[in-house]
Each structure stands twice: as C-alpha cells, then as structure tokens.
C-alpha cells in the first residue's frame, strides 16, 4: 500500500493528538485510510462521543445525522432542568 497524500496522514496524526477520545481515534483512522487511497464512508458519531469541548447528543445512522453541542450548554440545560 502506498501513501497518496502526506497532508492527510499528518492531519490524521494531529487528530488523535488533539482529541485522544474514541471519536478522535475513529476520525483519525478514517483520515489515515483516505491518505492511503482507501475509500470508506464517513464515520458516524455515537451519543456520548466527545469532540474537543463538545459532546454528541443525537446520532441517527439511517439518515447520517448527528449533533454535537458544547458541554457548557449541556451542563446549563441540566442545571435549568434540575431547578424547574
């Protein structure tokens, strides 16, 4: 297997370095496969996956939709719910 895109490989390495979570590793492996010319569908996030300071709150593999919100917003929403 031959490396096709050095920039994509570098991006995959920095992805894991900057986000050492399950989601970071999943994205890094997908980007690494692209660097070597392996076509694969974009990975789906799962509820609870962390990306930097955001967390996945919705994931639908059938439609390919997923949503991330800031952890701070989630904590504020939980706090407001607990008060009401």
PDB file of N, CA and C in Angstrom:
ATOM      1  N   UNK A   1       0.851  -1.166   0.000  1.00  0.00           N
ATOM      2  CA  UNK A   1       0.000   0.000   0.000  1.00  0.00           C
ATOM      3  C   UNK A   1       0.901   1.234   0.000  1.00  0.00           C
ATOM      4  N   UNK A   2       0.573   2.187  -0.823  1.00  0.00           N
ATOM      5  CA  UNK A   2       1.413   3.364  -0.978  1.00  0.00           C
ATOM      6  C   UNK A   2       0.690   4.612  -0.483  1.00  0.00           C
ATOM      7  N   UNK A   3       1.441   5.453   0.226  1.00  0.00           N
ATOM      8  CA  UNK A   3       0.900   6.714   0.720  1.00  0.00           C
ATOM      9  C   UNK A   3       0.607   7.634  -0.458  1.00  0.00           C
ATOM     10  N   UNK A   4      -0.614   8.145  -0.509  1.00  0.00           N
ATOM     11  CA  UNK A   4      -1.031   9.007  -1.606  1.00  0.00           C
ATOM     12  C   UNK A   4      -0.978  10.482  -1.208  1.00  0.00           C
ATOM     13  N   UNK A   5      -1.394  10.782   0.020  1.00  0.00           N
ATOM     14  CA  UNK A   5      -1.497  12.176   0.458  1.00  0.00           C
ATOM     15  C   UNK A   5      -0.821  12.355   1.818  1.00  0.00           C
ATOM     16  N   UNK A   6       0.344  12.979   1.820  1.00  0.00           N
ATOM     17  CA  UNK A   6       1.085  13.195   3.075  1.00  0.00           C
ATOM     18  C   UNK A   6       0.352  14.148   4.015  1.00  0.00           C
ATOM     19  N   UNK A   7      -0.325  15.157   3.454  1.00  0.00           N
ATOM     20  CA  UNK A   7      -1.071  16.109   4.289  1.00  0.00           C
ATOM     21  C   UNK A   7      -2.189  15.401   5.058  1.00  0.00           C
ATOM     22  N   UNK A   8      -2.877  14.483   4.394  1.00  0.00           N
ATOM     23  CA  UNK A   8      -3.966  13.743   5.041  1.00  0.00           C
ATOM     24  C   UNK A   8      -3.424  12.878   6.176  1.00  0.00           C
ATOM     25  N   UNK A   9      -2.244  12.280   5.972  1.00  0.00           N
ATOM     26  CA  UNK A   9      -1.645  11.471   7.040  1.00  0.00           C
ATOM     27  C   UNK A   9      -1.285  12.348   8.231  1.00  0.00           C
ATOM     28  N   UNK A  10      -0.718  13.515   7.969  1.00  0.00           N
ATOM     29  CA  UNK A  10      -0.350  14.450   9.035  1.00  0.00           C
ATOM     30  C   UNK A  10      -1.601  14.908   9.788  1.00  0.00           C
ATOM     31  N   UNK A  11      -2.679  15.147   9.049  1.00  0.00           N
ATOM     32  CA  UNK A  11      -3.948  15.562   9.652  1.00  0.00           C
ATOM     33  C   UNK A  11      -4.502  14.463  10.556  1.00  0.00           C
ATOM     34  N   UNK A  12      -4.406  13.221  10.123  1.00  0.00           N
ATOM     35  CA  UNK A  12      -4.874  12.092  10.934  1.00  0.00           C
ATOM     36  C   UNK A  12      -4.076  11.994  12.228  1.00  0.00           C
ATOM     37  N   UNK A  13      -2.767  12.185  12.141  1.00  0.00           N
ATOM     38  CA  UNK A  13      -1.924  12.119  13.335  1.00  0.00           C
ATOM     39  C   UNK A  13      -2.269  13.236  14.311  1.00  0.00           C
ATOM     40  N   UNK A  14      -2.493  14.436  13.803  1.00  0.00           N
ATOM     41  CA  UNK A  14      -2.826  15.550  14.691  1.00  0.00           C
ATOM     42  C   UNK A  14      -4.226  15.392  15.271  1.00  0.00           C
ATOM     43  N   UNK A  15      -5.106  14.708  14.555  1.00  0.00           N
ATOM     44  CA  UNK A  15      -6.469  14.473  15.037  1.00  0.00           C
ATOM     45  C   UNK A  15      -6.445  13.675  16.344  1.00  0.00           C
ATOM     46  N   UNK A  16      -5.618  12.638  16.386  1.00  0.00           N
ATOM     47  CA  UNK A  16      -5.511  11.817  17.597  1.00  0.00           C
ATOM     48  C   UNK A  16      -4.798  12.587  18.705  1.00  0.00           C
ATOM     49  N   UNK A  17      -3.781  13.330  18.331  1.00  0.00           N
ATOM     50  CA  UNK A  17      -3.016  14.092  19.322  1.00  0.00           C
ATOM     51  C   UNK A  17      -3.895  15.140  20.003  1.00  0.00           C
ATOM     52  N   UNK A  18      -4.737  15.815  19.219  1.00  0.00           N
ATOM     53  CA  UNK A  18      -5.585  16.877  19.755  1.00  0.00           C
ATOM     54  C   UNK A  18      -6.856  16.370  20.422  1.00  0.00           C
ATOM     55  N   UNK A  19      -7.293  15.162  20.079  1.00  0.00           N
ATOM     56  CA  UNK A  19      -8.550  14.637  20.613  1.00  0.00           C
ATOM     57  C   UNK A  19      -8.411  13.135  20.881  1.00  0.00           C
ATOM     58  N   UNK A  20      -7.740  12.746  21.983  1.00  0.00           N
ATOM     59  CA  UNK A  20      -7.499  11.316  22.248  1.00  0.00           C
ATOM     60  C   UNK A  20      -8.706  10.598  22.860  1.00  0.00           C
ATOM     61  N   UNK A  21      -9.843  10.704  22.201  1.00  0.00           N
ATOM     62  CA  UNK A  21     -11.061  10.019  22.637  1.00  0.00           C
ATOM     63  C   UNK A  21     -11.445   8.998  21.576  1.00  0.00           C
ATOM     64  N   UNK A  22     -12.513   8.248  21.823  1.00  0.00           N
ATOM     65  CA  UNK A  22     -12.976   7.273  20.839  1.00  0.00           C
ATOM     66  C   UNK A  22     -13.284   7.954  19.512  1.00  0.00           C
ATOM     67  N   UNK A  23     -13.942   9.097  19.558  1.00  0.00           N
ATOM     68  CA  UNK A  23     -14.304   9.809  18.339  1.00  0.00           C
ATOM     69  C   UNK A  23     -13.053  10.304  17.609  1.00  0.00           C
ATOM     70  N   UNK A  24     -12.072  10.803  18.342  1.00  0.00           N
ATOM     71  CA  UNK A  24     -10.826  11.252  17.733  1.00  0.00           C
ATOM     72  C   UNK A  24     -10.104  10.127  17.016  1.00  0.00           C
ATOM     73  N   UNK A  25     -10.060   8.949  17.645  1.00  0.00           N
ATOM     74  CA  UNK A  25      -9.417   7.790  17.021  1.00  0.00           C
ATOM     75  C   UNK A  25     -10.191   7.326  15.793  1.00  0.00           C
ATOM     76  N   UNK A  26     -11.510   7.351  15.862  1.00  0.00           N
ATOM     77  CA  UNK A  26     -12.333   6.940  14.720  1.00  0.00           C
ATOM     78  C   UNK A  26     -12.086   7.858  13.524  1.00  0.00           C
ATOM     79  N   UNK A  27     -12.082   9.170  13.771  1.00  0.00           N
ATOM     80  CA  UNK A  27     -11.820  10.123  12.697  1.00  0.00           C
ATOM     81  C   UNK A  27     -10.410   9.966  12.148  1.00  0.00           C
ATOM     82  N   UNK A  28      -9.451   9.763  13.039  1.00  0.00           N
ATOM     83  CA  UNK A  28      -8.061   9.618  12.611  1.00  0.00           C
ATOM     84  C   UNK A  28      -7.884   8.395  11.711  1.00  0.00           C
ATOM     85  N   UNK A  29      -8.496   7.287  12.068  1.00  0.00           N
ATOM     86  CA  UNK A  29      -8.369   6.077  11.249  1.00  0.00           C
ATOM     87  C   UNK A  29      -9.021   6.278   9.880  1.00  0.00           C
ATOM     88  N   UNK A  30     -10.140   6.979   9.846  1.00  0.00           N
ATOM     89  CA  UNK A  30     -10.808   7.260   8.578  1.00  0.00           C
ATOM     90  C   UNK A  30      -9.927   8.144   7.694  1.00  0.00           C
ATOM     91  N   UNK A  31      -9.333   9.190   8.302  1.00  0.00           N
ATOM     92  CA  UNK A  31      -8.464  10.089   7.543  1.00  0.00           C
ATOM     93  C   UNK A  31      -7.190   9.388   7.094  1.00  0.00           C
ATOM     94  N   UNK A  32      -6.682   8.487   7.905  1.00  0.00           N
ATOM     95  CA  UNK A  32      -5.486   7.737   7.532  1.00  0.00           C
ATOM     96  C   UNK A  32      -5.773   6.827   6.339  1.00  0.00           C
ATOM     97  N   UNK A  33      -6.940   6.198   6.336  1.00  0.00           N
ATOM     98  CA  UNK A  33      -7.322   5.357   5.192  1.00  0.00           C
ATOM     99  C   UNK A  33      -7.423   6.197   3.921  1.00  0.00           C
ATOM    100  N   UNK A  34      -7.954   7.413   4.050  1.00  0.00           N
ATOM    101  CA  UNK A  34      -8.022   8.301   2.893  1.00  0.00           C
ATOM    102  C   UNK A  34      -6.623   8.638   2.385  1.00  0.00           C
ATOM    103  N   UNK A  35      -5.685   8.831   3.299  1.00  0.00           N
ATOM    104  CA  UNK A  35      -4.311   9.166   2.917  1.00  0.00           C
ATOM    105  C   UNK A  35      -3.676   8.055   2.090  1.00  0.00           C
ATOM    106  N   UNK A  36      -4.099   6.821   2.334  1.00  0.00           N
ATOM    107  CA  UNK A  36      -3.564   5.682   1.597  1.00  0.00           C
ATOM    108  C   UNK A  36      -4.462   5.259   0.437  1.00  0.00           C
ATOM    109  N   UNK A  37      -5.482   6.067   0.134  1.00  0.00           N
ATOM    110  CA  UNK A  37      -6.327   5.807  -1.026  1.00  0.00           C
ATOM    111  C   UNK A  37      -7.431   4.800  -0.812  1.00  0.00           C
ATOM    112  N   UNK A  38      -7.753   4.497   0.432  1.00  0.00           N
ATOM    113  CA  UNK A  38      -8.829   3.549   0.733  1.00  0.00           C
ATOM    114  C   UNK A  38     -10.121   4.340   0.923  1.00  0.00           C
ATOM    115  N   UNK A  39     -11.096   4.094   0.065  1.00  0.00           N
ATOM    116  CA  UNK A  39     -12.379   4.792   0.169  1.00  0.00           C
ATOM    117  C   UNK A  39     -13.276   4.075   1.165  1.00  0.00           C
ATOM    118  N   UNK A  40     -13.809   4.838   2.083  1.00  0.00           N
ATOM    119  CA  UNK A  40     -14.700   4.312   3.110  1.00  0.00           C
ATOM    120  C   UNK A  40     -15.683   5.417   3.459  1.00  0.00           C
ATOM    121  N   UNK A  41     -16.935   5.075   3.776  1.00  0.00           N
ATOM    122  CA  UNK A  41     -17.894   6.120   4.141  1.00  0.00           C
ATOM    123  C   UNK A  41     -17.457   6.850   5.412  1.00  0.00           C
ATOM    124  N   UNK A  42     -17.886   8.089   5.511  1.00  0.00           N
ATOM    125  CA  UNK A  42     -17.549   8.900   6.681  1.00  0.00           C
ATOM    126  C   UNK A  42     -18.094   8.232   7.941  1.00  0.00           C
ATOM    127  N   UNK A  43     -17.313   8.211   9.033  1.00  0.00           N
ATOM    128  CA  UNK A  43     -17.774   7.539  10.252  1.00  0.00           C
ATOM    129  C   UNK A  43     -18.925   8.284  10.918  1.00  0.00           C
ATOM    130  N   UNK A  44     -19.728   7.522  11.639  1.00  0.00           N
ATOM    131  CA  UNK A  44     -20.850   8.093  12.389  1.00  0.00           C
ATOM    132  C   UNK A  44     -20.464   8.248  13.850  1.00  0.00           C
ATOM    133  N   UNK A  45     -20.831   9.361  14.403  1.00  0.00           N
ATOM    134  CA  UNK A  45     -20.618   9.591  15.823  1.00  0.00           C
ATOM    135  C   UNK A  45     -21.700   8.862  16.614  1.00  0.00           C
ATOM    136  N   UNK A  46     -21.371   8.490  17.835  1.00  0.00           N
ATOM    137  CA  UNK A  46     -22.349   7.861  18.722  1.00  0.00           C
ATOM    138  C   UNK A  46     -22.663   8.828  19.856  1.00  0.00           C
ATOM    139  N   UNK A  47     -23.845   8.723  20.416  1.00  0.00           N
ATOM    140  CA  UNK A  47     -24.233   9.584  21.528  1.00  0.00           C
ATOM    141  C   UNK A  47     -23.231   9.398  22.661  1.00  0.00           C
ATOM    142  N   UNK A  48     -22.730  10.519  23.163  1.00  0.00           N
ATOM    143  CA  UNK A  48     -21.751  10.491  24.245  1.00  0.00           C
ATOM    144  C   UNK A  48     -20.323  10.692  23.771  1.00  0.00           C
ATOM    145  N   UNK A  49     -20.087  10.619  22.456  1.00  0.00           N
ATOM    146  CA  UNK A  49     -18.742  10.866  21.937  1.00  0.00           C
ATOM    147  C   UNK A  49     -18.346  12.309  22.212  1.00  0.00           C
ATOM    148  N   UNK A  50     -17.082  12.506  22.562  1.00  0.00           N
ATOM    149  CA  UNK A  50     -16.570  13.830  22.890  1.00  0.00           C
ATOM    150  C   UNK A  50     -15.661  14.304  21.761  1.00  0.00           C
ATOM    151  N   UNK A  51     -15.873  15.529  21.330  1.00  0.00           N
ATOM    152  CA  UNK A  51     -15.027  16.159  20.320  1.00  0.00           C
ATOM    153  C   UNK A  51     -14.643  17.532  20.849  1.00  0.00           C
ATOM    154  N   UNK A  52     -13.425  17.641  21.355  1.00  0.00           N
ATOM    155  CA  UNK A  52     -12.921  18.869  21.952  1.00  0.00           C
ATOM    156  C   UNK A  52     -13.797  19.218  23.161  1.00  0.00           C
ATOM    157  N   UNK A  53     -14.492  20.353  23.132  1.00  0.00           N
ATOM    158  CA  UNK A  53     -15.342  20.713  24.263  1.00  0.00           C
ATOM    159  C   UNK A  53     -16.820  20.488  23.944  1.00  0.00           C
ATOM    160  N   UNK A  54     -17.097  19.628  22.974  1.00  0.00           N
ATOM    161  CA  UNK A  54     -18.472  19.318  22.577  1.00  0.00           C
ATOM    162  C   UNK A  54     -18.764  17.839  22.805  1.00  0.00           C
ATOM    163  N   UNK A  55     -20.045  17.532  22.957  1.00  0.00           N
ATOM    164  CA  UNK A  55     -20.465  16.153  23.177  1.00  0.00           C
ATOM    165  C   UNK A  55     -21.624  15.833  22.231  1.00  0.00           C
ATOM    166  N   UNK A  56     -21.629  14.610  21.723  1.00  0.00           N
ATOM    167  CA  UNK A  56     -22.686  14.193  20.795  1.00  0.00           C
ATOM    168  C   UNK A  56     -23.959  13.896  21.585  1.00  0.00           C
ATOM    169  N   UNK A  57     -25.054  14.537  21.182  1.00  0.00           N
ATOM    170  CA  UNK A  57     -26.326  14.348  21.877  1.00  0.00           C
ATOM    171  C   UNK A  57     -27.363  13.639  21.011  1.00  0.00           C
ATOM    172  N   UNK A  58     -27.060  13.475  19.709  1.00  0.00           N
ATOM    173  CA  UNK A  58     -28.012  12.827  18.804  1.00  0.00           C
ATOM    174  C   UNK A  58     -27.233  12.146  17.693  1.00  0.00           C
ATOM    175  N   UNK A  59     -27.630  10.924  17.355  1.00  0.00           N
ATOM    176  CA  UNK A  59     -26.993  10.197  16.267  1.00  0.00           C
ATOM    177  C   UNK A  59     -28.017   9.278  15.618  1.00  0.00           C
ATOM    178  N   UNK A  60     -28.138   9.365  14.289  1.00  0.00           N
ATOM    179  CA  UNK A  60     -29.062   8.517  13.542  1.00  0.00           C
ATOM    180  C   UNK A  60     -28.319   7.926  12.346  1.00  0.00           C
ATOM    181  N   UNK A  61     -27.840   6.677  12.455  1.00  0.00           N
ATOM    182  CA  UNK A  61     -27.082   6.061  11.363  1.00  0.00           C
ATOM    183  C   UNK A  61     -27.872   5.907  10.065  1.00  0.00           C
ATOM    184  N   UNK A  62     -29.190   5.796  10.155  1.00  0.00           N
ATOM    185  CA  UNK A  62     -30.004   5.619   8.949  1.00  0.00           C
ATOM    186  C   UNK A  62     -29.984   6.856   8.058  1.00  0.00           C
ATOM    187  N   UNK A  63     -30.027   8.037   8.672  1.00  0.00           N
ATOM    188  CA  UNK A  63     -30.030   9.281   7.896  1.00  0.00           C
ATOM    189  C   UNK A  63     -28.651   9.923   7.833  1.00  0.00           C
ATOM    190  N   UNK A  64     -27.736   9.491   8.697  1.00  0.00           N
ATOM    191  CA  UNK A  64     -26.398  10.079   8.724  1.00  0.00           C
ATOM    192  C   UNK A  64     -26.323  11.366   9.521  1.00  0.00           C
ATOM    193  N   UNK A  65     -27.357  11.654  10.278  1.00  0.00           N
ATOM    194  CA  UNK A  65     -27.380  12.890  11.061  1.00  0.00           C
ATOM    195  C   UNK A  65     -26.786  12.663  12.443  1.00  0.00           C
ATOM    196  N   UNK A  66     -26.047  13.652  12.914  1.00  0.00           N
ATOM    197  CA  UNK A  66     -25.597  13.667  14.301  1.00  0.00           C
ATOM    198  C   UNK A  66     -25.379  15.112  14.725  1.00  0.00           C
ATOM    199  N   UNK A  67     -25.522  15.374  16.022  1.00  0.00           N
ATOM    200  CA  UNK A  67     -25.408  16.735  16.540  1.00  0.00           C
ATOM    201  C   UNK A  67     -24.470  16.756  17.737  1.00  0.00           C
ATOM    202  N   UNK A  68     -23.592  17.741  17.745  1.00  0.00           N
ATOM    203  CA  UNK A  68     -22.721  17.994  18.880  1.00  0.00           C
ATOM    204  C   UNK A  68     -23.120  19.330  19.488  1.00  0.00           C
ATOM    205  N   UNK A  69     -23.123  19.414  20.821  1.00  0.00           N
ATOM    206  CA  UNK A  69     -23.325  20.699  21.485  1.00  0.00           C
ATOM    207  C   UNK A  69     -22.198  20.888  22.491  1.00  0.00           C
ATOM    208  N   UNK A  70     -21.973  22.132  22.869  1.00  0.00           N
ATOM    209  CA  UNK A  70     -20.926  22.445  23.836  1.00  0.00           C
ATOM    210  C   UNK A  70     -21.279  21.834  25.188  1.00  0.00           C
ATOM    211  N   UNK A  71     -20.274  21.304  25.871  1.00  0.00           N
ATOM    212  CA  UNK A  71     -20.510  20.696  27.185  1.00  0.00           C
ATOM    213  C   UNK A  71     -21.115  21.713  28.142  1.00  0.00           C
ATOM    214  N   UNK A  72     -20.678  22.976  28.031  1.00  0.00           N
ATOM    215  CA  UNK A  72     -21.192  24.020  28.909  1.00  0.00           C
ATOM    216  C   UNK A  72     -22.695  24.185  28.710  1.00  0.00           C
ATOM    217  N   UNK A  73     -23.148  24.152  27.461  1.00  0.00           N
ATOM    218  CA  UNK A  73     -24.582  24.270  27.184  1.00  0.00           C
ATOM    219  C   UNK A  73     -25.342  23.094  27.781  1.00  0.00           C
ATOM    220  N   UNK A  74     -24.751  21.916  27.709  1.00  0.00           N
ATOM    221  CA  UNK A  74     -25.391  20.728  28.265  1.00  0.00           C
ATOM    222  C   UNK A  74     -25.505  20.849  29.783  1.00  0.00           C
ATOM    223  N   UNK A  75     -24.437  21.308  30.426  1.00  0.00           N
ATOM    224  CA  UNK A  75     -24.473  21.482  31.887  1.00  0.00           C
ATOM    225  C   UNK A  75     -25.504  22.526  32.286  1.00  0.00           C
ATOM    226  N   UNK A  76     -25.580  23.630  31.514  1.00  0.00           N
ATOM    227  CA  UNK A  76     -26.565  24.671  31.811  1.00  0.00           C
ATOM    228  C   UNK A  76     -27.980  24.131  31.655  1.00  0.00           C
ATOM    229  N   UNK A  77     -28.215  23.345  30.616  1.00  0.00           N
ATOM    230  CA  UNK A  77     -29.545  22.762  30.397  1.00  0.00           C
ATOM    231  C   UNK A  77     -29.896  21.800  31.523  1.00  0.00           C
ATOM    232  N   UNK A  78     -28.923  21.002  31.970  1.00  0.00           N
ATOM    233  CA  UNK A  78     -29.171  20.082  33.079  1.00  0.00           C
ATOM    234  C   UNK A  78     -29.467  20.853  34.352  1.00  0.00           C
ATOM    235  N   UNK A  79     -28.746  21.959  34.569  1.00  0.00           N
ATOM    236  CA  UNK A  79     -28.964  22.787  35.755  1.00  0.00           C
ATOM    237  C   UNK A  79     -30.341  23.413  35.747  1.00  0.00           C
ATOM    238  N   UNK A  80     -30.767  23.923  34.606  1.00  0.00           N
ATOM    239  CA  UNK A  80     -32.098  24.524  34.488  1.00  0.00           C
ATOM    240  C   UNK A  80     -33.183  23.481  34.687  1.00  0.00           C
ATOM    241  N   UNK A  81     -32.954  22.269  34.209  1.00  0.00           N
ATOM    242  CA  UNK A  81     -33.932  21.199  34.366  1.00  0.00           C
ATOM    243  C   UNK A  81     -34.056  20.814  35.838  1.00  0.00           C
ATOM    244  N   UNK A  82     -32.928  20.786  36.544  1.00  0.00           N
ATOM    245  CA  UNK A  82     -32.944  20.405  37.953  1.00  0.00           C
ATOM    246  C   UNK A  82     -33.665  21.450  38.795  1.00  0.00           C
ATOM    247  N   UNK A  83     -33.583  22.717  38.392  1.00  0.00           N
ATOM    248  CA  UNK A  83     -34.226  23.791  39.147  1.00  0.00           C
ATOM    249  C   UNK A  83     -35.731  23.761  38.942  1.00  0.00           C
ATOM    250  N   UNK A  84     -36.171  23.473  37.725  1.00  0.00           N
ATOM    251  CA  UNK A  84     -37.609  23.505  37.412  1.00  0.00           C
ATOM    252  C   UNK A  84     -38.297  22.325  37.926  1.00  0.00           C
TER     253      UNK A  84
END
